N, C-alpha and C. Protein backbone atom coordinates (compact mmCIF):
# COMPACT_ATOMS: atom_id res chain seq x y z
N UNK A 1 76.67 -7.63 131.09
CA UNK A 1 75.11 -6.90 132.36
C UNK A 1 74.00 -6.18 131.64
N UNK A 2 72.90 -6.22 131.72
CA UNK A 2 71.73 -6.23 132.01
C UNK A 2 71.19 -5.15 132.71
N UNK A 3 70.56 -4.00 131.93
CA UNK A 3 70.17 -3.65 132.81
C UNK A 3 68.55 -3.59 132.77
N UNK A 4 67.33 -4.18 133.68
CA UNK A 4 66.23 -4.06 133.79
C UNK A 4 65.45 -3.28 134.77
N UNK A 5 64.85 -3.51 134.61
CA UNK A 5 63.29 -2.51 135.21
C UNK A 5 61.78 -2.88 136.06
N UNK A 6 61.61 -2.50 137.17
CA UNK A 6 60.66 -3.06 137.61
C UNK A 6 59.81 -2.09 138.45
N UNK A 7 57.74 -2.48 138.54
CA UNK A 7 57.66 -1.31 138.61
C UNK A 7 57.01 -2.27 140.14
N UNK A 8 56.77 -1.48 141.17
CA UNK A 8 56.12 -1.23 142.42
C UNK A 8 55.64 -0.16 142.73
N UNK A 9 54.72 -0.12 143.78
CA UNK A 9 53.94 1.19 144.59
C UNK A 9 54.96 1.49 145.50
N UNK A 10 55.01 3.45 145.37
CA UNK A 10 55.82 3.81 145.67
C UNK A 10 54.65 5.07 146.67
N UNK A 11 55.27 5.84 147.57
CA UNK A 11 54.58 6.52 148.46
C UNK A 11 55.30 8.13 148.48
N UNK A 12 54.70 8.53 147.69
CA UNK A 12 55.40 10.58 147.47
C UNK A 12 54.39 11.07 148.40
N UNK A 13 55.49 12.41 148.75
CA UNK A 13 54.25 13.44 149.60
C UNK A 13 54.14 14.65 148.56
N UNK A 14 52.91 15.28 149.12
CA UNK A 14 53.09 16.59 148.72
C UNK A 14 52.32 17.33 149.71
N UNK A 15 52.43 18.43 149.68
CA UNK A 15 51.98 19.88 150.96
C UNK A 15 50.80 20.64 149.71
N UNK A 16 50.40 21.15 150.97
CA UNK A 16 49.02 22.03 150.34
C UNK A 16 47.77 23.47 151.67
N UNK A 17 48.13 24.20 150.37
CA UNK A 17 47.69 25.42 151.65
C UNK A 17 45.86 24.97 151.43
N UNK A 18 45.16 25.56 152.49
CA UNK A 18 43.34 25.39 152.36
C UNK A 18 42.99 24.33 151.63
N UNK A 19 42.17 24.28 151.19
CA UNK A 19 41.61 23.50 150.80
C UNK A 19 40.71 23.40 150.05
N UNK A 20 40.24 22.32 149.22
CA UNK A 20 39.03 22.10 147.49
C UNK A 20 37.65 22.24 148.53
N UNK A 21 36.90 22.89 147.21
CA UNK A 21 35.83 22.35 148.09
C UNK A 21 34.48 22.69 146.66
N UNK A 22 33.32 22.50 147.08
CA UNK A 22 32.05 22.65 146.46
C UNK A 22 32.59 24.77 146.41
N UNK A 23 32.91 25.15 146.70
CA UNK A 23 33.33 26.80 147.15
C UNK A 23 34.76 26.89 145.94
N UNK A 24 35.31 26.15 145.88
CA UNK A 24 37.04 26.69 145.72
C UNK A 24 36.80 27.48 143.91
N UNK A 25 37.47 28.16 143.11
CA UNK A 25 37.00 27.79 142.14
C UNK A 25 38.60 28.50 141.43
N UNK A 26 39.78 28.29 142.89
CA UNK A 26 41.07 28.69 142.00
C UNK A 26 42.19 27.63 142.62
N UNK A 27 42.58 26.87 141.69
CA UNK A 27 43.60 26.18 142.31
C UNK A 27 45.19 25.92 141.96
N UNK A 28 45.86 26.01 142.20
CA UNK A 28 47.66 26.47 141.96
C UNK A 28 48.01 25.10 142.56
N UNK A 29 49.01 24.83 141.65
CA UNK A 29 49.53 23.75 141.70
C UNK A 29 51.35 24.48 140.93
N UNK A 30 51.82 23.76 142.12
CA UNK A 30 53.62 24.77 142.25
C UNK A 30 54.06 24.00 142.38
N UNK A 31 55.22 24.06 141.26
CA UNK A 31 56.79 23.04 141.28
C UNK A 31 57.72 23.50 141.57
N UNK A 32 58.60 23.04 142.80
CA UNK A 32 60.18 23.29 143.35
C UNK A 32 60.86 23.57 142.19
N UNK A 33 61.99 24.04 142.47
CA UNK A 33 63.49 23.73 141.86
C UNK A 33 63.96 23.05 142.04
N UNK A 34 65.48 22.62 141.95
CA UNK A 34 66.46 22.01 142.36
C UNK A 34 67.12 21.99 143.60
N UNK A 35 66.79 21.12 144.48
CA UNK A 35 68.00 21.13 145.68
C UNK A 35 66.43 21.57 146.72
N UNK A 36 65.35 22.26 146.29
CA UNK A 36 64.06 22.46 147.39
C UNK A 36 63.68 21.39 148.47
N UNK A 37 63.02 22.12 148.57
CA UNK A 37 61.72 20.87 149.53
C UNK A 37 60.10 21.62 149.48
N UNK A 38 59.27 20.93 149.07
CA UNK A 38 58.06 21.38 148.59
C UNK A 38 57.30 22.07 149.99
N UNK A 39 57.53 21.40 151.30
CA UNK A 39 56.85 22.26 152.57
C UNK A 39 57.69 23.47 152.45
N UNK A 40 58.94 23.89 152.45
CA UNK A 40 60.05 24.81 152.25
C UNK A 40 58.97 26.53 151.34
N UNK A 41 59.48 25.26 149.99
CA UNK A 41 58.79 26.47 149.37
C UNK A 41 56.70 26.55 148.89
N UNK A 42 56.27 25.57 149.18
CA UNK A 42 54.93 26.17 149.88
C UNK A 42 54.96 27.78 150.39
N UNK A 43 55.91 28.02 151.09
CA UNK A 43 55.56 29.24 152.02
C UNK A 43 55.68 30.32 151.29
N UNK A 44 56.38 30.34 149.95
CA UNK A 44 56.11 31.97 149.58
C UNK A 44 54.88 31.63 148.63
N UNK A 45 54.08 30.97 148.93
CA UNK A 45 52.81 31.68 148.00
C UNK A 45 51.64 31.50 149.76
N UNK A 46 51.96 31.89 150.26
CA UNK A 46 51.04 31.23 152.08
C UNK A 46 49.72 32.79 151.67
N UNK A 47 50.18 33.73 150.85
CA UNK A 47 49.99 35.07 150.60
C UNK A 47 48.62 34.41 149.81
N UNK A 48 48.60 33.90 149.00
CA UNK A 48 47.21 33.12 147.85
C UNK A 48 46.46 32.94 148.75
N UNK A 49 46.85 32.03 149.85
CA UNK A 49 45.39 31.14 150.78
C UNK A 49 44.76 32.91 151.36
N UNK A 50 44.55 33.46 151.45
CA UNK A 50 43.35 34.64 151.83
C UNK A 50 42.88 35.11 151.37
N UNK A 51 43.21 34.91 149.23
CA UNK A 51 42.40 35.13 148.35
C UNK A 51 41.52 34.13 148.00
N UNK A 52 40.96 33.04 148.84
CA UNK A 52 40.81 31.71 148.34
C UNK A 52 41.13 30.73 147.53
N UNK A 53 42.38 31.48 147.48
CA UNK A 53 43.42 30.09 146.66
C UNK A 53 43.85 28.96 147.24
N UNK A 54 43.40 27.33 146.82
CA UNK A 54 43.86 26.53 147.11
C UNK A 54 45.84 25.96 146.52
N UNK A 55 46.65 25.88 147.70
CA UNK A 55 48.03 25.57 146.58
C UNK A 55 48.57 24.63 146.45
N UNK A 56 48.63 24.13 145.92
CA UNK A 56 49.62 22.25 146.21
C UNK A 56 50.45 22.73 145.43
N UNK A 57 51.82 21.81 146.75
CA UNK A 57 53.21 21.36 146.50
C UNK A 57 53.43 20.28 146.72
N UNK A 58 53.78 19.71 144.84
CA UNK A 58 54.66 18.07 145.32
C UNK A 58 55.38 18.57 144.99
N UNK A 59 56.55 17.79 145.25
CA UNK A 59 57.84 17.07 145.71
C UNK A 59 58.84 16.05 144.81
N UNK A 60 59.68 16.13 144.43
CA UNK A 60 60.49 15.73 143.35
C UNK A 60 60.29 14.46 144.24
N UNK A 61 60.84 13.23 143.55
CA UNK A 61 60.50 12.16 143.95
C UNK A 61 62.12 11.60 144.67
N UNK A 62 63.42 12.31 144.40
CA UNK A 62 64.62 12.10 144.23
C UNK A 62 65.00 12.67 145.49
N UNK A 63 65.46 12.67 146.61
CA UNK A 63 66.52 12.82 147.61
C UNK A 63 68.12 12.49 148.17
N UNK A 64 68.26 13.87 147.87
CA UNK A 64 69.95 13.84 148.86
C UNK A 64 70.30 14.78 149.69
N UNK A 65 71.20 14.47 150.44
CA UNK A 65 72.12 15.70 151.13
C UNK A 65 72.22 16.59 150.32
N UNK A 66 72.52 18.29 150.56
CA UNK A 66 72.83 18.94 149.78
C UNK A 66 74.32 19.49 149.35
N UNK A 67 75.49 18.81 150.64
CA UNK A 67 76.90 18.86 150.79
C UNK A 67 76.96 17.70 151.17
N UNK A 68 78.08 17.16 150.76
CA UNK A 68 78.86 16.10 150.26
C UNK A 68 79.28 15.03 151.95
N UNK A 69 79.79 13.92 152.03
CA UNK A 69 79.62 13.17 152.93
C UNK A 69 81.15 14.27 153.95
N UNK A 70 82.10 14.45 153.07
CA UNK A 70 83.17 15.01 153.67
C UNK A 70 83.09 16.83 154.02
N UNK A 71 81.95 17.22 153.58
CA UNK A 71 81.86 18.45 154.00
C UNK A 71 80.91 18.84 154.61
N UNK A 72 79.66 17.79 155.17
CA UNK A 72 78.65 17.66 156.46
C UNK A 72 79.29 17.33 157.73
N UNK A 73 80.72 16.41 157.63
CA UNK A 73 81.24 16.15 158.92
C UNK A 73 82.27 17.17 159.06
N UNK A 74 82.74 18.29 158.32
CA UNK A 74 82.88 19.85 158.63
C UNK A 74 81.88 20.26 158.88
N UNK A 75 80.98 20.61 158.89
CA UNK A 75 79.73 21.45 158.69
C UNK A 75 78.72 21.72 159.57
N UNK A 76 78.34 20.05 160.08
CA UNK A 76 77.28 19.30 160.85
C UNK A 76 76.35 19.53 159.93
N UNK A 77 76.02 20.91 158.40
CA UNK A 77 75.28 20.11 157.52
C UNK A 77 74.34 19.31 157.23
N UNK A 78 73.17 18.92 157.45
CA UNK A 78 72.48 17.73 157.24
C UNK A 78 70.89 18.22 156.44
N UNK A 79 71.53 19.35 155.58
CA UNK A 79 70.19 19.63 154.70
C UNK A 79 69.72 19.06 154.11
N UNK A 80 68.41 18.89 153.57
CA UNK A 80 68.45 17.32 152.35
C UNK A 80 67.95 18.68 151.00
N UNK A 81 67.41 18.27 149.54
CA UNK A 81 67.49 18.42 148.68
C UNK A 81 66.40 17.83 148.00
N UNK A 82 65.30 17.87 147.21
CA UNK A 82 64.96 17.37 146.30
C UNK A 82 65.33 17.84 144.16
N UNK A 83 65.06 16.33 143.77
CA UNK A 83 65.37 16.97 142.35
C UNK A 83 63.58 16.27 141.76
N UNK A 84 63.66 16.74 140.19
CA UNK A 84 63.11 16.18 139.77
C UNK A 84 63.51 15.35 138.69
N UNK A 85 64.34 15.27 138.39
CA UNK A 85 65.55 14.36 136.98
C UNK A 85 66.52 14.68 137.33
N UNK A 86 67.63 13.69 136.66
CA UNK A 86 68.40 14.12 136.22
C UNK A 86 69.15 13.70 134.97
N UNK A 87 70.16 13.88 134.39
CA UNK A 87 70.75 13.17 132.84
C UNK A 87 70.78 11.87 133.37
N UNK A 88 70.32 10.84 134.24
CA UNK A 88 71.09 9.60 134.27
C UNK A 88 69.71 9.30 134.10
N UNK A 89 68.93 8.17 133.33
CA UNK A 89 67.68 7.53 133.63
C UNK A 89 66.30 8.78 133.32
N UNK A 90 67.20 9.76 132.80
CA UNK A 90 66.06 10.34 132.59
C UNK A 90 64.47 10.41 131.77
N UNK A 91 64.40 9.70 131.21
CA UNK A 91 63.30 9.59 130.39
C UNK A 91 62.27 8.72 131.48
N UNK A 92 63.21 7.93 132.00
CA UNK A 92 62.23 7.24 132.80
C UNK A 92 61.48 8.06 134.70
N UNK A 93 62.20 9.16 134.06
CA UNK A 93 62.27 9.54 135.77
C UNK A 93 61.63 10.57 135.14
N UNK A 94 61.69 11.42 134.20
CA UNK A 94 60.23 11.91 133.41
C UNK A 94 58.56 11.21 133.90
N UNK A 95 58.44 9.88 133.44
CA UNK A 95 57.25 9.12 133.32
C UNK A 95 56.56 8.81 134.18
N UNK A 96 58.07 8.57 135.48
CA UNK A 96 57.56 8.49 137.27
C UNK A 96 57.04 9.98 137.75
N UNK A 97 57.85 10.84 137.23
CA UNK A 97 57.01 12.14 137.82
C UNK A 97 55.34 12.66 137.17
N UNK A 98 55.71 12.57 136.17
CA UNK A 98 54.40 12.44 135.52
C UNK A 98 53.25 11.73 136.06
N UNK A 99 53.35 10.78 135.89
CA UNK A 99 52.73 9.63 137.25
C UNK A 99 52.56 9.90 138.05
N UNK A 100 53.28 10.33 138.96
CA UNK A 100 52.70 10.72 139.98
C UNK A 100 52.09 12.51 139.98
N UNK A 101 52.44 12.95 139.19
CA UNK A 101 51.61 14.32 139.57
C UNK A 101 49.93 14.14 138.75
N UNK A 102 50.50 13.43 137.83
CA UNK A 102 48.83 12.69 137.72
C UNK A 102 47.87 12.27 138.38
N UNK A 103 48.58 11.21 140.02
CA UNK A 103 47.82 10.42 140.74
C UNK A 103 47.71 12.36 141.50
N UNK A 104 48.40 13.00 142.05
CA UNK A 104 48.18 13.75 143.33
C UNK A 104 46.92 15.20 142.56
N UNK A 105 46.95 15.11 141.32
CA UNK A 105 45.36 16.11 140.47
C UNK A 105 44.38 15.08 140.50
N UNK A 106 44.73 13.63 140.55
CA UNK A 106 43.38 13.32 140.41
C UNK A 106 43.08 13.18 141.83
N UNK A 107 43.47 13.25 142.71
CA UNK A 107 43.05 12.99 143.87
C UNK A 107 42.38 14.64 144.37
N UNK A 108 43.11 15.60 143.86
CA UNK A 108 42.69 16.50 144.83
C UNK A 108 41.51 17.68 143.77
N UNK A 109 41.78 17.10 142.95
CA UNK A 109 41.12 17.74 141.43
C UNK A 109 39.82 16.91 140.64
N UNK A 110 40.34 15.99 140.57
CA UNK A 110 39.86 14.46 139.88
C UNK A 110 39.30 15.20 138.53
N UNK A 111 37.81 15.21 138.17
CA UNK A 111 37.22 15.32 136.83
C UNK A 111 36.47 16.82 136.90
N UNK A 112 36.60 17.55 137.83
CA UNK A 112 36.30 19.01 137.79
C UNK A 112 36.52 19.67 136.69
N UNK A 113 36.26 20.28 136.25
CA UNK A 113 36.23 21.44 134.91
C UNK A 113 36.06 22.86 135.77
N UNK A 114 35.77 22.96 137.06
CA UNK A 114 34.62 24.05 137.23
C UNK A 114 35.62 25.39 137.72
N UNK A 115 36.95 24.52 138.21
CA UNK A 115 37.44 25.37 139.12
C UNK A 115 38.75 25.57 137.97
N UNK A 116 39.60 27.41 138.64
CA UNK A 116 40.80 27.47 137.56
C UNK A 116 42.43 27.04 138.02
N UNK A 117 42.46 26.27 137.52
CA UNK A 117 44.06 25.61 137.40
C UNK A 117 45.26 26.28 137.42
N UNK A 118 45.83 26.64 137.47
CA UNK A 118 47.02 27.71 137.49
C UNK A 118 48.26 26.35 137.50
N UNK A 119 49.06 25.50 136.47
CA UNK A 119 50.51 24.96 137.19
C UNK A 119 51.64 26.25 136.63
N UNK A 120 52.64 26.51 137.92
CA UNK A 120 53.78 26.97 138.60
C UNK A 120 54.70 26.27 138.30
N UNK A 121 56.28 26.42 137.48
CA UNK A 121 56.90 25.68 137.65
C UNK A 121 58.10 26.63 137.48
N UNK A 122 58.71 26.67 139.04
CA UNK A 122 60.36 27.14 139.35
C UNK A 122 61.45 26.77 139.21
N UNK A 123 62.64 27.37 137.90
CA UNK A 123 63.39 27.30 137.75
C UNK A 123 63.39 25.47 137.43
N UNK A 124 64.14 24.88 137.55
CA UNK A 124 64.17 23.25 137.14
C UNK A 124 62.22 22.99 136.94
N UNK A 125 61.54 23.21 137.81
CA UNK A 125 60.10 22.61 138.30
C UNK A 125 59.44 23.17 136.91
N UNK A 126 60.18 24.34 135.94
CA UNK A 126 59.91 24.23 134.76
C UNK A 126 59.24 23.92 133.40
N UNK A 127 60.68 23.27 133.44
CA UNK A 127 60.74 22.17 132.58
C UNK A 127 59.59 20.61 133.12
N UNK A 128 60.04 20.69 134.11
CA UNK A 128 58.98 19.59 134.77
C UNK A 128 57.28 19.98 135.00
N UNK A 129 57.44 21.69 134.74
CA UNK A 129 55.51 21.31 134.85
C UNK A 129 55.47 21.70 133.50
N UNK A 130 56.26 21.61 132.53
CA UNK A 130 55.70 22.00 130.88
C UNK A 130 55.67 20.62 129.97
N UNK A 131 56.25 19.63 130.39
CA UNK A 131 56.35 18.33 130.20
C UNK A 131 54.78 17.48 130.82
N UNK A 132 54.50 17.91 131.92
CA UNK A 132 53.05 17.67 132.46
C UNK A 132 52.64 17.95 131.68
N UNK A 133 51.83 19.31 131.70
CA UNK A 133 51.65 20.45 130.64
C UNK A 133 50.95 19.10 129.53
N UNK A 134 52.47 19.03 128.66
CA UNK A 134 52.22 18.87 127.42
C UNK A 134 51.55 17.02 127.76
N UNK A 135 52.00 16.58 128.75
CA UNK A 135 51.75 14.87 128.89
C UNK A 135 49.97 14.87 128.44
N UNK A 136 48.67 16.09 128.05
CA UNK A 136 47.74 16.03 128.52
C UNK A 136 46.51 15.48 128.90
N UNK A 137 46.96 15.39 130.38
CA UNK A 137 46.89 14.36 131.24
C UNK A 137 45.19 15.14 132.52
N UNK A 138 45.79 16.43 132.36
CA UNK A 138 45.15 16.94 133.23
C UNK A 138 44.24 18.25 132.52
N UNK A 139 43.55 19.34 133.18
CA UNK A 139 42.88 20.48 132.83
C UNK A 139 43.47 21.43 133.82
N UNK A 140 44.06 21.86 132.55
CA UNK A 140 44.37 23.68 133.72
C UNK A 140 44.51 24.97 132.21
N UNK A 141 44.71 25.77 132.86
CA UNK A 141 43.98 26.85 132.01
C UNK A 141 45.41 27.99 131.98
N UNK A 142 45.76 28.32 132.68
CA UNK A 142 47.63 29.11 132.38
C UNK A 142 48.39 28.34 133.23
N UNK A 143 49.79 28.25 132.58
CA UNK A 143 51.22 27.87 132.53
C UNK A 143 51.93 28.68 133.14
N UNK A 144 52.34 29.31 134.13
CA UNK A 144 53.15 30.05 134.24
C UNK A 144 54.80 29.18 134.75
N UNK A 145 55.80 30.08 134.19
CA UNK A 145 57.55 29.37 134.06
C UNK A 145 58.02 30.80 134.52
N UNK A 146 58.77 30.10 136.01
CA UNK A 146 58.94 31.14 136.53
C UNK A 146 60.50 31.12 137.07
N UNK A 147 61.62 31.58 136.17
CA UNK A 147 63.11 31.74 136.86
C UNK A 147 63.21 30.13 135.91
N UNK A 148 62.37 30.15 134.92
CA UNK A 148 62.76 28.69 134.29
C UNK A 148 62.45 28.80 132.49
N UNK A 149 62.65 28.14 131.46
CA UNK A 149 62.31 28.01 130.23
C UNK A 149 61.30 26.61 129.81
N UNK A 150 61.42 26.79 128.72
CA UNK A 150 60.54 25.11 128.78
C UNK A 150 61.01 24.97 128.00
N UNK A 151 61.17 23.38 128.00
CA UNK A 151 62.33 21.69 127.62
C UNK A 151 62.29 21.64 126.25
N UNK A 152 63.78 21.50 125.65
CA UNK A 152 63.71 21.51 124.41
C UNK A 152 63.36 19.92 123.38
N UNK A 153 62.92 19.34 124.87
CA UNK A 153 62.48 17.32 123.94
C UNK A 153 61.05 17.74 124.30
N UNK A 154 59.93 18.29 122.95
CA UNK A 154 58.82 18.28 123.63
C UNK A 154 58.42 18.29 122.39
N UNK A 155 56.65 17.20 121.70
CA UNK A 155 56.28 17.45 121.05
C UNK A 155 55.82 18.54 120.53
N UNK A 156 56.53 19.32 119.62
CA UNK A 156 55.49 20.70 119.13
C UNK A 156 54.84 20.54 118.86
N UNK A 157 54.24 19.61 117.60
CA UNK A 157 53.12 19.28 117.08
C UNK A 157 51.61 19.04 118.10
N UNK A 158 52.24 18.13 119.06
CA UNK A 158 50.81 18.25 119.88
C UNK A 158 50.87 19.32 121.05
N UNK A 159 51.78 19.93 121.21
CA UNK A 159 52.05 20.99 121.93
C UNK A 159 51.62 22.43 121.76
N UNK A 160 51.66 22.45 120.31
CA UNK A 160 50.76 23.93 120.05
C UNK A 160 49.40 23.35 119.93
N UNK A 161 48.69 22.42 119.78
CA UNK A 161 47.20 22.27 120.23
C UNK A 161 46.94 22.23 122.06
N UNK A 162 48.32 21.55 122.76
CA UNK A 162 47.73 22.04 123.97
C UNK A 162 47.61 23.22 124.39
N UNK A 163 48.56 24.03 123.87
CA UNK A 163 48.33 25.21 124.36
C UNK A 163 48.03 26.03 123.83
N UNK A 164 47.37 26.63 122.84
CA UNK A 164 46.79 26.57 121.84
C UNK A 164 46.05 28.44 122.28
N UNK A 165 44.70 27.52 123.16
CA UNK A 165 44.27 28.61 124.40
C UNK A 165 44.26 28.83 125.48
N UNK A 166 45.58 28.58 126.09
CA UNK A 166 46.17 28.98 126.70
C UNK A 166 46.42 29.83 127.34
N UNK A 167 46.76 30.60 128.80
CA UNK A 167 47.36 31.38 128.60
C UNK A 167 48.62 31.32 129.48
N UNK A 168 49.79 31.38 128.94
CA UNK A 168 51.65 30.97 129.28
C UNK A 168 52.01 32.16 129.70
N UNK A 169 52.82 32.60 131.44
CA UNK A 169 52.96 33.78 131.46
C UNK A 169 54.97 33.46 131.14
N UNK A 170 56.07 34.18 131.23
CA UNK A 170 57.44 33.68 131.96
C UNK A 170 57.43 34.74 132.43
N UNK A 171 57.76 34.90 134.22
CA UNK A 171 58.43 35.61 134.54
C UNK A 171 60.14 35.24 135.49
N UNK A 172 60.48 36.08 135.71
CA UNK A 172 62.26 35.93 136.44
C UNK A 172 62.51 37.24 136.44
N UNK A 173 63.48 37.20 137.37
CA UNK A 173 64.34 38.96 138.40
C UNK A 173 65.19 39.35 137.23
N UNK A 174 65.27 40.31 136.74
CA UNK A 174 66.24 41.34 135.77
C UNK A 174 68.03 40.95 136.47
N UNK A 175 67.87 39.92 138.03
CA UNK A 175 69.30 40.33 138.31
C UNK A 175 69.45 38.20 138.35
N UNK A 176 68.79 37.31 137.36
CA UNK A 176 68.92 36.24 138.48
C UNK A 176 70.32 35.97 136.96
N UNK A 177 70.91 34.87 138.19
CA UNK A 177 72.20 34.68 137.59
C UNK A 177 72.48 33.52 137.03
N UNK A 178 71.11 32.92 136.12
CA UNK A 178 70.74 31.78 135.80
C UNK A 178 70.26 31.94 134.31
N UNK A 179 70.13 33.10 134.60
CA UNK A 179 69.28 33.62 133.11
C UNK A 179 70.36 34.35 132.11
N UNK A 180 70.41 33.94 131.49
CA UNK A 180 71.20 35.00 129.95
C UNK A 180 70.87 35.14 129.09
N UNK A 181 70.70 35.55 127.81
CA UNK A 181 70.34 36.27 126.42
C UNK A 181 70.58 34.84 126.10
N UNK A 182 71.57 33.96 126.20
CA UNK A 182 71.56 32.63 125.22
C UNK A 182 70.13 32.11 126.11
N UNK A 183 69.49 31.98 127.02
CA UNK A 183 68.56 31.61 127.78
C UNK A 183 66.96 31.62 127.06
N UNK A 184 67.50 33.21 126.98
CA UNK A 184 66.60 34.09 126.21
C UNK A 184 65.81 33.45 124.93
N UNK A 185 66.78 33.74 124.41
CA UNK A 185 67.34 33.30 122.79
C UNK A 185 66.52 31.67 122.61
N UNK A 186 67.05 30.61 123.68
CA UNK A 186 66.51 29.57 123.56
C UNK A 186 64.74 29.66 123.47
N UNK A 187 64.41 30.19 124.76
CA UNK A 187 63.01 30.52 124.87
C UNK A 187 62.50 31.19 123.95
N UNK A 188 62.67 31.82 123.51
CA UNK A 188 62.29 32.32 122.09
C UNK A 188 61.65 31.51 120.38
N UNK A 189 62.95 30.78 120.35
CA UNK A 189 62.86 29.61 119.59
C UNK A 189 61.60 28.64 120.07
N UNK A 190 61.77 28.16 121.19
CA UNK A 190 60.71 27.24 121.15
C UNK A 190 59.43 27.65 121.00
N UNK A 191 59.48 28.95 121.54
CA UNK A 191 58.10 29.28 121.83
C UNK A 191 57.15 29.08 120.75
N UNK A 192 58.00 30.24 119.11
CA UNK A 192 58.24 29.87 117.76
C UNK A 192 57.43 28.63 117.42
N UNK A 193 58.14 27.59 118.22
CA UNK A 193 57.93 26.26 117.60
C UNK A 193 56.48 25.71 118.16
N UNK A 194 56.22 26.73 119.17
CA UNK A 194 55.24 26.38 119.74
C UNK A 194 53.88 27.05 119.37
N UNK A 195 54.31 28.11 118.28
CA UNK A 195 53.27 28.86 117.90
C UNK A 195 52.36 29.92 119.14
N UNK A 196 53.41 30.09 119.61
CA UNK A 196 52.75 30.78 121.58
C UNK A 196 53.28 31.77 121.67
N UNK A 197 52.71 33.14 122.19
CA UNK A 197 53.31 34.32 122.58
C UNK A 197 52.84 34.22 124.20
N UNK A 198 54.55 34.11 124.82
CA UNK A 198 54.03 33.70 126.42
C UNK A 198 54.37 35.57 126.93
N UNK A 199 53.31 35.46 127.49
CA UNK A 199 53.31 37.07 128.48
C UNK A 199 54.43 37.00 129.21
N UNK A 200 55.46 38.52 129.08
CA UNK A 200 56.56 38.24 129.93
C UNK A 200 56.43 39.23 130.86
N UNK A 201 56.94 39.03 132.63
CA UNK A 201 56.52 39.91 132.96
C UNK A 201 58.09 39.77 134.34
N UNK A 202 58.53 41.22 134.21
CA UNK A 202 60.22 40.75 134.94
C UNK A 202 60.09 42.01 136.45
N UNK A 203 60.46 41.14 137.41
CA UNK A 203 60.46 42.17 138.84
C UNK A 203 62.33 42.72 138.58
N UNK A 204 62.20 43.36 139.43
CA UNK A 204 63.66 43.90 140.03
C UNK A 204 63.93 42.80 141.57
N UNK A 205 64.57 41.60 140.72
CA UNK A 205 64.97 40.57 141.77
C UNK A 205 66.11 39.26 141.59
N UNK A 206 66.30 38.93 142.16
CA UNK A 206 67.33 37.25 141.12
C UNK A 206 66.12 35.98 141.47
N UNK A 207 66.88 35.30 141.49
CA UNK A 207 66.11 33.52 141.57
C UNK A 207 65.64 33.12 142.78
N UNK A 208 64.37 34.33 142.37
CA UNK A 208 63.53 34.07 143.32
C UNK A 208 62.08 34.25 143.32
N UNK A 209 61.03 33.42 144.27
CA UNK A 209 59.31 34.06 144.10
C UNK A 209 59.67 35.33 144.95
N UNK A 210 59.15 36.29 143.46
CA UNK A 210 58.89 37.69 144.52
C UNK A 210 57.37 38.02 144.79
N UNK A 211 56.96 38.03 145.89
CA UNK A 211 55.56 38.20 146.46
C UNK A 211 54.32 39.29 145.35
N UNK A 212 55.28 40.61 145.76
CA UNK A 212 54.88 41.70 145.43
C UNK A 212 53.77 40.95 143.38
N UNK A 213 55.23 40.67 142.87
CA UNK A 213 54.96 39.96 141.88
C UNK A 213 53.94 39.14 141.73
N UNK A 214 53.78 37.64 142.42
CA UNK A 214 53.30 37.05 142.20
C UNK A 214 51.87 36.79 142.88
N UNK A 215 50.85 38.38 143.34
CA UNK A 215 50.05 38.97 143.97
C UNK A 215 49.56 39.28 142.23
N UNK A 216 50.34 39.86 141.96
CA UNK A 216 49.98 40.33 140.55
C UNK A 216 48.44 39.43 139.72
N UNK A 217 48.88 37.87 139.78
CA UNK A 217 48.84 36.99 139.05
C UNK A 217 47.30 36.84 139.65
N UNK A 218 46.76 37.05 140.78
CA UNK A 218 45.41 36.42 141.22
C UNK A 218 44.58 37.41 140.30
């Protein structure tokens, strides 16, 4: 048996609040977590639009039903979620989503460097946005990891250079069930390898986008 690959045109979707024009000074790219859809995730950032921030939410390229077939027949729940990657064919998935995210960035921001670009990843999106940031293909000023940490499979020497003058923040709820001392220890170790000191913000909440905390980042 042979495993083969093929390249073809693919249409991915993304959602946007606000517009980018000559007056725009801030753009946020926000990447959702596992099992979410961009259009609903983007609603959590609606308050930023009133502050003149354009918010762009790309969507994971893999979609699936949140409940399996047997459960759906009983509950009637046909909700769909998206994922950035799994362990299956992971390297190719990473290549594909980085190419997709680059394409969205070039379409919306292009070669402009006069806009203040923030990259935010929530949960699974934190690893995704980190890999994208370290691809060295886009301009950004700030990297926010919300309810997630850096991925361990990075080029640390390259990362040191790319993140040296960037504002890196880690944000999480003190009651987040997916974060524990082991995960925090891993984040500390990875940060040390990158020679960065990430600013830490903790809010009284769980695995969520906390609007009062979000507004402090403007």
